[in-house]
Amino acid sequence: MLQKNVDNKGTVDYGAFVQDSLAFRDYLNQLSSHHPNDSWTSAERKAYWINAYNAFTVQLIVDNYPVESIKDLGGAIYKVNTPWDIRFIEIEGQDYDLNNIEHDILREEWQDGRIHFAINCASISCPKLYNRAFEAATLDEQLTTVAKEFINGPKNSIDEGEASISRIFKWFNGDFIRDGSLIDFLNAYSEIHINDEAEITYQEYNWSLNGK
């Protein structure tokens, strides 16, 4: 479904997901009936939760389609009923919202900055929705791929002496400086080497839907 409904730029055909609702619901049911446990490897759990975050985000949009922005969903009370705080996810009797998956599981357990480029918040400024499922056997390679694609892509502007980058790097700064500076992290994936004294600025975030 990802290969069919998401193009190489990350534009999502949500209408096609609506039309493929039986197949999509079947996949969501598989997620909901297979909660990760201690018998799973770390890579298996990590891949599961990344795929779950993306799939349930698509579900949230599909269930409210058409919508202009994910931020139009939920209510106006911050940290109470934003789209990321709606507890609509049920996995083997346990209830979750998208914030639980992102912050309490993925960021907490793995502390891997590349995760931010693998999960998609259904918005234009987000890292694109990868049009493949993440798999345990190739997960490290896939995470490096999405990190390189995002950092070198059109949502960041990088030069040796200055870099205008996504606000993701500001909002989650701590996730990118565990092993050095933010510039060190960027240089690990950037095609252009950024000088240590380069000026860093942050772009405005476009929350419009990443759909056709």
Protein backbone atom coordinates (compact mmCIF):
# COMPACT_ATOMS: atom_id res chain seq x y z
CA MET A 1 0.00 0.00 0.00
CA LEU A 2 2.85 2.42 0.74
CA GLN A 3 4.50 1.76 -2.60
CA LYS A 4 1.19 2.24 -4.40
CA ASN A 5 -0.15 5.24 -2.48
CA VAL A 6 2.97 7.28 -1.59
CA ASP A 7 5.18 8.76 -4.30
CA ASN A 8 8.94 9.31 -4.12
CA LYS A 9 8.45 12.85 -2.84
CA GLY A 10 6.38 11.57 0.07
CA THR A 11 3.04 12.88 -1.22
CA VAL A 12 0.31 10.63 0.12
CA ASP A 13 -2.81 9.66 -1.81
CA TYR A 14 -5.13 9.50 1.18
CA GLY A 15 -8.12 9.00 -1.10
CA ALA A 16 -6.52 5.76 -2.32
CA PHE A 17 -6.14 4.61 1.28
CA VAL A 18 -9.86 5.28 1.71
CA GLN A 19 -10.61 3.19 -1.37
CA ASP A 20 -8.27 0.45 -0.08
CA SER A 21 -9.92 0.55 3.31
CA LEU A 22 -10.39 -3.23 3.62
CA ALA A 23 -6.71 -3.96 3.01
CA PHE A 24 -5.65 -1.04 5.18
CA ARG A 25 -7.92 -2.14 8.05
CA ASP A 26 -6.51 -5.64 7.75
CA TYR A 27 -3.01 -4.27 8.31
CA LEU A 28 -4.16 -2.12 11.24
CA ASN A 29 -5.81 -5.20 12.75
CA GLN A 30 -2.52 -7.09 12.43
CA LEU A 31 -0.76 -4.31 14.33
CA SER A 32 -3.49 -4.26 16.96
CA SER A 33 -3.31 -8.00 17.56
CA HIS A 34 0.49 -8.31 17.83
CA HIS A 35 1.84 -6.22 20.68
CA PRO A 36 5.65 -6.35 20.92
CA ASN A 37 6.97 -8.39 23.84
CA ASP A 38 10.27 -9.47 25.37
CA SER A 39 10.70 -12.28 22.85
CA TRP A 40 11.10 -9.70 20.07
CA THR A 41 14.52 -8.31 19.24
CA SER A 42 15.24 -4.62 19.74
CA ALA A 43 15.19 -4.08 15.96
CA GLU A 44 11.85 -5.89 15.63
CA ARG A 45 10.26 -3.74 18.32
CA LYS A 46 11.73 -0.55 16.89
CA ALA A 47 10.54 -1.31 13.35
CA TYR A 48 7.09 -2.27 14.65
CA TRP A 49 6.60 1.00 16.54
CA ILE A 50 7.81 3.14 13.63
CA ASN A 51 5.41 1.36 11.26
CA ALA A 52 2.63 1.59 13.83
CA TYR A 53 3.12 5.34 14.28
CA ASN A 54 2.94 5.92 10.54
CA ALA A 55 0.00 3.59 9.96
CA PHE A 56 -2.10 4.99 12.77
CA THR A 57 -1.33 8.54 11.64
CA VAL A 58 -2.64 7.62 8.19
CA GLN A 59 -5.68 6.08 9.89
CA LEU A 60 -6.36 9.33 11.76
CA ILE A 61 -6.33 11.27 8.50
CA VAL A 62 -8.37 8.66 6.59
CA ASP A 63 -11.02 8.54 9.33
CA ASN A 64 -11.45 12.33 9.03
CA TYR A 65 -10.79 12.73 5.31
CA PRO A 66 -10.89 15.23 3.67
CA VAL A 67 -8.97 17.48 6.05
CA GLU A 68 -6.59 20.36 5.35
CA SER A 69 -4.24 19.76 8.28
CA ILE A 70 -3.76 17.19 10.99
CA LYS A 71 -3.87 20.09 13.44
CA ASP A 72 -7.54 20.61 12.55
CA LEU A 73 -8.28 17.35 14.37
CA GLY A 74 -8.70 17.03 18.10
CA GLY A 75 -9.45 19.99 20.32
CA ALA A 76 -7.73 23.22 21.26
CA ILE A 77 -6.46 22.32 24.74
CA TYR A 78 -2.70 21.80 24.50
CA LYS A 79 -1.48 18.43 25.80
CA VAL A 80 -5.06 17.28 26.36
CA ASN A 81 -6.82 16.72 23.05
CA THR A 82 -4.47 17.63 20.25
CA PRO A 83 -4.35 15.07 17.43
CA TRP A 84 -1.32 13.48 19.09
CA ASP A 85 -3.15 13.09 22.40
CA ILE A 86 -6.26 11.29 21.09
CA ARG A 87 -6.21 7.77 22.54
CA PHE A 88 -7.62 6.04 19.49
CA ILE A 89 -4.99 3.29 19.23
CA GLU A 90 -5.71 -0.11 20.80
CA ILE A 91 -3.08 -2.85 20.73
CA GLU A 92 -3.99 -6.09 22.50
CA GLY A 93 -6.05 -4.30 25.12
CA GLN A 94 -3.59 -1.45 25.70
CA ASP A 95 -4.60 2.08 24.70
CA TYR A 96 -2.16 4.52 23.13
CA ASP A 97 -2.04 7.90 21.47
CA LEU A 98 0.57 9.00 18.94
CA ASN A 99 2.51 10.88 21.61
CA ASN A 100 2.83 7.67 23.64
CA ILE A 101 4.41 5.90 20.69
CA GLU A 102 6.76 8.73 19.75
CA HIS A 103 7.89 10.05 23.12
CA ASP A 104 7.29 7.28 25.66
CA ILE A 105 8.40 4.38 23.46
CA LEU A 106 10.50 5.30 20.42
CA ARG A 107 12.45 8.26 21.80
CA GLU A 108 12.68 6.87 25.31
CA GLU A 109 13.82 3.34 24.51
CA TRP A 110 16.15 3.89 21.56
CA GLN A 111 17.38 7.50 21.81
CA ASP A 112 18.14 7.49 18.10
CA GLY A 113 17.80 10.86 16.39
CA ARG A 114 17.17 9.17 13.05
CA ILE A 115 13.74 8.10 14.30
CA HIS A 116 12.52 11.66 13.66
CA PHE A 117 13.08 11.14 9.93
CA ALA A 118 11.22 7.82 9.90
CA ILE A 119 7.95 8.86 11.54
CA ASN A 120 5.57 11.09 9.63
CA CYS A 121 3.06 13.61 11.03
CA ALA A 122 1.02 13.94 7.82
CA SER A 123 2.30 17.45 7.12
CA ILE A 124 4.29 19.06 4.31
CA SER A 125 7.24 20.05 6.52
CA CYS A 126 7.53 16.60 8.06
CA PRO A 127 10.13 14.17 6.82
CA LYS A 128 8.41 12.36 3.99
CA LEU A 129 6.42 9.20 4.58
CA TYR A 130 8.84 6.46 3.50
CA ASN A 131 7.11 4.37 0.84
CA ARG A 132 8.38 1.10 2.25
CA ALA A 133 7.67 -0.66 5.51
CA PHE A 134 10.54 -0.61 7.99
CA GLU A 135 11.95 -4.09 8.60
CA ALA A 136 14.14 -5.34 11.41
CA ALA A 137 16.72 -6.93 9.10
CA THR A 138 17.41 -3.70 7.23
CA LEU A 139 16.35 -1.15 9.84
CA ASP A 140 19.71 0.52 10.46
CA GLU A 141 20.26 0.97 6.73
CA GLN A 142 16.73 2.31 6.26
CA LEU A 143 17.11 4.81 9.11
CA THR A 144 20.37 6.08 7.65
CA THR A 145 18.69 6.38 4.24
CA VAL A 146 15.80 8.50 5.54
CA ALA A 147 18.20 10.66 7.57
CA LYS A 148 20.31 11.40 4.49
CA GLU A 149 17.24 12.03 2.30
CA PHE A 150 15.74 14.49 4.76
CA ILE A 151 18.89 16.39 5.68
CA ASN A 152 19.96 16.74 2.04
CA GLY A 153 16.44 17.32 0.76
CA PRO A 154 14.47 20.47 -0.01
CA LYS A 155 13.22 20.94 3.55
CA ASN A 156 16.70 22.04 4.63
CA SER A 157 19.13 24.48 3.01
CA ILE A 158 22.73 23.69 3.88
CA ASP A 159 25.95 25.44 2.97
CA GLU A 160 29.42 25.45 4.51
CA GLY A 161 28.88 28.70 6.36
CA GLU A 162 25.16 28.60 7.16
CA ALA A 163 22.29 26.19 7.41
CA SER A 164 18.56 26.90 7.41
CA ILE A 165 17.08 23.72 8.79
CA SER A 166 13.83 22.15 9.93
CA ARG A 167 12.39 23.15 13.29
CA ILE A 168 12.50 19.46 14.18
CA PHE A 169 16.17 20.07 15.01
CA LYS A 170 15.12 22.84 17.43
CA TRP A 171 12.13 21.10 19.01
CA PHE A 172 14.06 17.90 19.68
CA ASN A 173 17.55 19.36 19.98
CA GLY A 174 18.54 17.00 22.78
CA ASP A 175 18.01 13.98 20.54
CA PHE A 176 20.65 15.24 18.11
CA ILE A 177 23.43 16.32 20.49
CA ARG A 178 23.97 13.18 22.57
CA ASP A 179 27.28 12.41 20.86
CA GLY A 180 28.39 15.91 19.90
CA SER A 181 27.00 19.17 18.56
CA LEU A 182 24.03 19.60 16.23
CA ILE A 183 26.48 20.40 13.43
CA ASP A 184 28.29 17.14 14.16
CA PHE A 185 25.01 15.27 13.75
CA LEU A 186 24.16 17.05 10.51
CA ASN A 187 27.62 16.43 9.09
CA ALA A 188 27.25 12.70 9.67
CA TYR A 189 24.60 12.68 6.91
CA SER A 190 25.01 15.94 4.97
CA GLU A 191 26.55 15.93 1.50
CA ILE A 192 27.96 19.39 2.24
CA HIS A 193 30.30 19.73 5.21
CA ILE A 194 29.08 22.44 7.58
CA ASN A 195 31.74 24.52 9.33
CA ASP A 196 31.73 24.41 13.13
CA GLU A 197 31.11 28.18 13.29
CA ALA A 198 28.28 28.12 10.72
CA GLU A 199 25.13 30.11 11.43
CA ILE A 200 22.11 27.88 12.14
CA THR A 201 18.56 29.15 11.60
CA TYR A 202 15.25 27.32 11.69
CA GLN A 203 12.54 27.37 9.06
CA GLU A 204 8.84 27.90 9.62
CA TYR A 205 6.85 24.67 9.77
CA ASN A 206 4.10 24.00 7.23
CA TRP A 207 1.36 21.91 8.84
CA SER A 208 -0.71 21.59 5.65
CA LEU A 209 -1.61 18.03 4.74
CA ASN A 210 1.05 16.13 2.78
CA GLY A 211 -1.63 14.80 0.42
CA LYS A 212 -2.63 15.22 -3.18
